[in-house]
């Protein structure tokens, strides 16, 4: 996998996933898939992922 910067945390980590050409590092991927909707960071993740999914 290309060594891209995670669009959620800005870190350059070796592993993770690519979402529409943008990287999510393994730490953020884990946090994203295990976060509660009452956690304030949930809305941050939600907006960042929406921006990637629906960018033109």
PDB file of N, CA and C in Angstrom:
ATOM      1  N   UNK A   1       0.850  -1.182   0.000  1.00  0.00           N
ATOM      2  CA  UNK A   1       0.000   0.000   0.000  1.00  0.00           C
ATOM      3  C   UNK A   1       0.891   1.239   0.000  1.00  0.00           C
ATOM      4  N   UNK A   2       0.507   2.184  -0.772  1.00  0.00           N
ATOM      5  CA  UNK A   2       1.188   3.467  -0.836  1.00  0.00           C
ATOM      6  C   UNK A   2       1.227   4.097   0.553  1.00  0.00           C
ATOM      7  N   UNK A   3       2.308   4.788   0.888  1.00  0.00           N
ATOM      8  CA  UNK A   3       2.442   5.389   2.214  1.00  0.00           C
ATOM      9  C   UNK A   3       1.822   6.778   2.237  1.00  0.00           C
ATOM     10  N   UNK A   4       0.498   6.831   2.196  1.00  0.00           N
ATOM     11  CA  UNK A   4      -0.252   8.085   2.201  1.00  0.00           C
ATOM     12  C   UNK A   4      -0.491   8.555   3.626  1.00  0.00           C
ATOM     13  N   UNK A   5      -0.950   9.789   3.744  1.00  0.00           N
ATOM     14  CA  UNK A   5      -1.296  10.368   5.038  1.00  0.00           C
ATOM     15  C   UNK A   5      -2.776  10.093   5.316  1.00  0.00           C
ATOM     16  N   UNK A   6      -3.073   9.678   6.531  1.00  0.00           N
ATOM     17  CA  UNK A   6      -4.456   9.410   6.943  1.00  0.00           C
ATOM     18  C   UNK A   6      -5.245  10.716   6.933  1.00  0.00           C
ATOM     19  N   UNK A   7      -6.414  10.720   6.291  1.00  0.00           N
ATOM     20  CA  UNK A   7      -7.199  11.950   6.210  1.00  0.00           C
ATOM     21  C   UNK A   7      -7.941  12.256   7.508  1.00  0.00           C
ATOM     22  N   UNK A   8      -7.935  11.332   8.461  1.00  0.00           N
ATOM     23  CA  UNK A   8      -8.587  11.585   9.745  1.00  0.00           C
ATOM     24  C   UNK A   8      -7.619  12.150  10.784  1.00  0.00           C
ATOM     25  N   UNK A   9      -6.420  11.577  10.884  1.00  0.00           N
ATOM     26  CA  UNK A   9      -5.483  12.024  11.922  1.00  0.00           C
ATOM     27  C   UNK A   9      -4.249  12.732  11.376  1.00  0.00           C
ATOM     28  N   UNK A  10      -3.995  12.591  10.073  1.00  0.00           N
ATOM     29  CA  UNK A  10      -2.847  13.262   9.469  1.00  0.00           C
ATOM     30  C   UNK A  10      -1.527  12.533   9.627  1.00  0.00           C
ATOM     31  N   UNK A  11      -1.558  11.332  10.194  1.00  0.00           N
ATOM     32  CA  UNK A  11      -0.321  10.577  10.397  1.00  0.00           C
ATOM     33  C   UNK A  11      -0.033   9.696   9.188  1.00  0.00           C
ATOM     34  N   UNK A  12       1.253   9.399   9.009  1.00  0.00           N
ATOM     35  CA  UNK A  12       1.710   8.564   7.907  1.00  0.00           C
ATOM     36  C   UNK A  12       2.065   7.193   8.472  1.00  0.00           C
ATOM     37  N   UNK A  13       1.096   6.315   8.520  1.00  0.00           N
ATOM     38  CA  UNK A  13       1.295   4.977   9.066  1.00  0.00           C
ATOM     39  C   UNK A  13       1.258   3.983   7.915  1.00  0.00           C
ATOM     40  N   UNK A  14       2.004   2.903   8.032  1.00  0.00           N
ATOM     41  CA  UNK A  14       2.120   1.949   6.941  1.00  0.00           C
ATOM     42  C   UNK A  14       0.861   1.190   6.573  1.00  0.00           C
ATOM     43  N   UNK A  15       0.035   0.855   7.548  1.00  0.00           N
ATOM     44  CA  UNK A  15      -1.128   0.026   7.235  1.00  0.00           C
ATOM     45  C   UNK A  15      -2.422   0.816   7.365  1.00  0.00           C
ATOM     46  N   UNK A  16      -3.489   0.238   6.827  1.00  0.00           N
ATOM     47  CA  UNK A  16      -4.795   0.889   6.876  1.00  0.00           C
ATOM     48  C   UNK A  16      -5.613   0.517   5.660  1.00  0.00           C
ATOM     49  N   UNK A  17      -6.632   1.315   5.379  1.00  0.00           N
ATOM     50  CA  UNK A  17      -7.490   1.071   4.220  1.00  0.00           C
ATOM     51  C   UNK A  17      -7.571   2.338   3.376  1.00  0.00           C
ATOM     52  N   UNK A  18      -7.980   2.159   2.125  1.00  0.00           N
ATOM     53  CA  UNK A  18      -8.168   3.281   1.211  1.00  0.00           C
ATOM     54  C   UNK A  18      -9.661   3.416   0.941  1.00  0.00           C
ATOM     55  N   UNK A  19     -10.177   4.623   1.124  1.00  0.00           N
ATOM     56  CA  UNK A  19     -11.587   4.922   0.891  1.00  0.00           C
ATOM     57  C   UNK A  19     -11.649   5.981  -0.197  1.00  0.00           C
ATOM     58  N   UNK A  20     -12.084   5.568  -1.388  1.00  0.00           N
ATOM     59  CA  UNK A  20     -12.166   6.473  -2.546  1.00  0.00           C
ATOM     60  C   UNK A  20     -10.864   7.249  -2.755  1.00  0.00           C
ATOM     61  N   UNK A  21      -9.751   6.534  -2.659  1.00  0.00           N
ATOM     62  CA  UNK A  21      -8.442   7.124  -2.904  1.00  0.00           C
ATOM     63  C   UNK A  21      -7.814   7.819  -1.711  1.00  0.00           C
ATOM     64  N   UNK A  22      -8.502   7.869  -0.591  1.00  0.00           N
ATOM     65  CA  UNK A  22      -7.986   8.512   0.617  1.00  0.00           C
ATOM     66  C   UNK A  22      -7.719   7.453   1.681  1.00  0.00           C
ATOM     67  N   UNK A  23      -6.632   7.627   2.418  1.00  0.00           N
ATOM     68  CA  UNK A  23      -6.220   6.628   3.399  1.00  0.00           C
ATOM     69  C   UNK A  23      -6.846   6.855   4.768  1.00  0.00           C
ATOM     70  N   UNK A  24      -7.208   5.753   5.420  1.00  0.00           N
ATOM     71  CA  UNK A  24      -7.568   5.722   6.834  1.00  0.00           C
ATOM     72  C   UNK A  24      -6.567   4.766   7.482  1.00  0.00           C
ATOM     73  N   UNK A  25      -5.756   5.264   8.416  1.00  0.00           N
ATOM     74  CA  UNK A  25      -4.755   4.405   9.056  1.00  0.00           C
ATOM     75  C   UNK A  25      -5.440   3.358   9.929  1.00  0.00           C
ATOM     76  N   UNK A  26      -4.704   2.330  10.300  1.00  0.00           N
ATOM     77  CA  UNK A  26      -5.298   1.231  11.069  1.00  0.00           C
ATOM     78  C   UNK A  26      -5.803   1.692  12.434  1.00  0.00           C
ATOM     79  N   UNK A  27      -5.139   2.667  13.055  1.00  0.00           N
ATOM     80  CA  UNK A  27      -5.610   3.172  14.350  1.00  0.00           C
ATOM     81  C   UNK A  27      -6.960   3.868  14.203  1.00  0.00           C
ATOM     82  N   UNK A  28      -7.088   4.729  13.205  1.00  0.00           N
ATOM     83  CA  UNK A  28      -8.358   5.430  12.972  1.00  0.00           C
ATOM     84  C   UNK A  28      -9.435   4.466  12.506  1.00  0.00           C
ATOM     85  N   UNK A  29      -9.050   3.483  11.700  1.00  0.00           N
ATOM     86  CA  UNK A  29     -10.006   2.469  11.248  1.00  0.00           C
ATOM     87  C   UNK A  29     -10.604   1.743  12.450  1.00  0.00           C
ATOM     88  N   UNK A  30      -9.742   1.349  13.397  1.00  0.00           N
ATOM     89  CA  UNK A  30     -10.216   0.670  14.599  1.00  0.00           C
ATOM     90  C   UNK A  30     -11.139   1.586  15.400  1.00  0.00           C
ATOM     91  N   UNK A  31     -10.705   2.828  15.610  1.00  0.00           N
ATOM     92  CA  UNK A  31     -11.511   3.778  16.379  1.00  0.00           C
ATOM     93  C   UNK A  31     -12.850   4.048  15.686  1.00  0.00           C
ATOM     94  N   UNK A  32     -12.809   4.216  14.378  1.00  0.00           N
ATOM     95  CA  UNK A  32     -14.015   4.501  13.596  1.00  0.00           C
ATOM     96  C   UNK A  32     -15.035   3.366  13.684  1.00  0.00           C
ATOM     97  N   UNK A  33     -14.561   2.140  13.668  1.00  0.00           N
ATOM     98  CA  UNK A  33     -15.477   1.000  13.696  1.00  0.00           C
ATOM     99  C   UNK A  33     -15.944   0.635  15.102  1.00  0.00           C
ATOM    100  N   UNK A  34     -15.349   1.248  16.122  1.00  0.00           N
ATOM    101  CA  UNK A  34     -15.716   0.924  17.500  1.00  0.00           C
ATOM    102  C   UNK A  34     -16.240   2.112  18.298  1.00  0.00           C
ATOM    103  N   UNK A  35     -16.404   3.255  17.664  1.00  0.00           N
ATOM    104  CA  UNK A  35     -16.807   4.470  18.372  1.00  0.00           C
ATOM    105  C   UNK A  35     -18.313   4.481  18.640  1.00  0.00           C
ATOM    106  N   UNK A  36     -18.679   5.047  19.757  1.00  0.00           N
ATOM    107  CA  UNK A  36     -20.090   5.195  20.122  1.00  0.00           C
ATOM    108  C   UNK A  36     -20.618   6.511  19.550  1.00  0.00           C
ATOM    109  N   UNK A  37     -21.885   6.528  19.182  1.00  0.00           N
ATOM    110  CA  UNK A  37     -22.470   7.751  18.614  1.00  0.00           C
ATOM    111  C   UNK A  37     -22.547   8.884  19.634  1.00  0.00           C
ATOM    112  N   UNK A  38     -22.414   8.589  20.908  1.00  0.00           N
ATOM    113  CA  UNK A  38     -22.434   9.643  21.929  1.00  0.00           C
ATOM    114  C   UNK A  38     -21.047  10.251  22.169  1.00  0.00           C
ATOM    115  N   UNK A  39     -20.023   9.655  21.592  1.00  0.00           N
ATOM    116  CA  UNK A  39     -18.667  10.187  21.694  1.00  0.00           C
ATOM    117  C   UNK A  39     -18.564  11.435  20.818  1.00  0.00           C
ATOM    118  N   UNK A  40     -18.063  12.554  21.351  1.00  0.00           N
ATOM    119  CA  UNK A  40     -17.960  13.790  20.560  1.00  0.00           C
ATOM    120  C   UNK A  40     -17.140  13.630  19.272  1.00  0.00           C
ATOM    121  N   UNK A  41     -16.193  12.704  19.271  1.00  0.00           N
ATOM    122  CA  UNK A  41     -15.355  12.489  18.086  1.00  0.00           C
ATOM    123  C   UNK A  41     -16.138  11.827  16.944  1.00  0.00           C
ATOM    124  N   UNK A  42     -17.270  11.206  17.264  1.00  0.00           N
ATOM    125  CA  UNK A  42     -18.099  10.538  16.262  1.00  0.00           C
ATOM    126  C   UNK A  42     -18.488  11.509  15.146  1.00  0.00           C
ATOM    127  N   UNK A  43     -18.912  12.698  15.505  1.00  0.00           N
ATOM    128  CA  UNK A  43     -19.365  13.675  14.507  1.00  0.00           C
ATOM    129  C   UNK A  43     -18.200  14.199  13.660  1.00  0.00           C
ATOM    130  N   UNK A  44     -17.017  14.280  14.258  1.00  0.00           N
ATOM    131  CA  UNK A  44     -15.818  14.645  13.501  1.00  0.00           C
ATOM    132  C   UNK A  44     -15.571  13.594  12.418  1.00  0.00           C
ATOM    133  N   UNK A  45     -15.553  12.320  12.824  1.00  0.00           N
ATOM    134  CA  UNK A  45     -15.355  11.232  11.869  1.00  0.00           C
ATOM    135  C   UNK A  45     -16.447  11.233  10.806  1.00  0.00           C
ATOM    136  N   UNK A  46     -17.673  11.412  11.221  1.00  0.00           N
ATOM    137  CA  UNK A  46     -18.811  11.415  10.300  1.00  0.00           C
ATOM    138  C   UNK A  46     -18.634  12.470   9.210  1.00  0.00           C
ATOM    139  N   UNK A  47     -18.279  13.679   9.592  1.00  0.00           N
ATOM    140  CA  UNK A  47     -18.111  14.763   8.615  1.00  0.00           C
ATOM    141  C   UNK A  47     -16.932  14.513   7.685  1.00  0.00           C
ATOM    142  N   UNK A  48     -15.815  14.040   8.237  1.00  0.00           N
ATOM    143  CA  UNK A  48     -14.633  13.776   7.408  1.00  0.00           C
ATOM    144  C   UNK A  48     -14.916  12.667   6.389  1.00  0.00           C
ATOM    145  N   UNK A  49     -15.592  11.601   6.811  1.00  0.00           N
ATOM    146  CA  UNK A  49     -15.903  10.489   5.903  1.00  0.00           C
ATOM    147  C   UNK A  49     -16.912  10.941   4.851  1.00  0.00           C
ATOM    148  N   UNK A  50     -17.910  11.709   5.244  1.00  0.00           N
ATOM    149  CA  UNK A  50     -18.884  12.244   4.271  1.00  0.00           C
ATOM    150  C   UNK A  50     -18.176  13.070   3.206  1.00  0.00           C
ATOM    151  N   UNK A  51     -17.226  13.895   3.625  1.00  0.00           N
ATOM    152  CA  UNK A  51     -16.490  14.731   2.670  1.00  0.00           C
ATOM    153  C   UNK A  51     -15.760  13.882   1.637  1.00  0.00           C
ATOM    154  N   UNK A  52     -15.190  12.767   2.060  1.00  0.00           N
ATOM    155  CA  UNK A  52     -14.489  11.883   1.129  1.00  0.00           C
ATOM    156  C   UNK A  52     -15.490  11.151   0.234  1.00  0.00           C
ATOM    157  N   UNK A  53     -16.551  10.637   0.820  1.00  0.00           N
ATOM    158  CA  UNK A  53     -17.525   9.865   0.042  1.00  0.00           C
ATOM    159  C   UNK A  53     -18.259  10.700  -0.998  1.00  0.00           C
ATOM    160  N   UNK A  54     -18.533  11.951  -0.671  1.00  0.00           N
ATOM    161  CA  UNK A  54     -19.366  12.765  -1.551  1.00  0.00           C
ATOM    162  C   UNK A  54     -18.635  13.921  -2.212  1.00  0.00           C
ATOM    163  N   UNK A  55     -17.280  13.890  -2.192  1.00  0.00           N
ATOM    164  CA  UNK A  55     -16.544  14.965  -2.865  1.00  0.00           C
ATOM    165  C   UNK A  55     -16.692  14.831  -4.370  1.00  0.00           C
ATOM    166  N   UNK A  56     -16.620  15.963  -5.029  1.00  0.00           N
ATOM    167  CA  UNK A  56     -16.788  15.971  -6.492  1.00  0.00           C
ATOM    168  C   UNK A  56     -15.474  16.158  -7.185  1.00  0.00           C
TER     169      UNK A  56
END
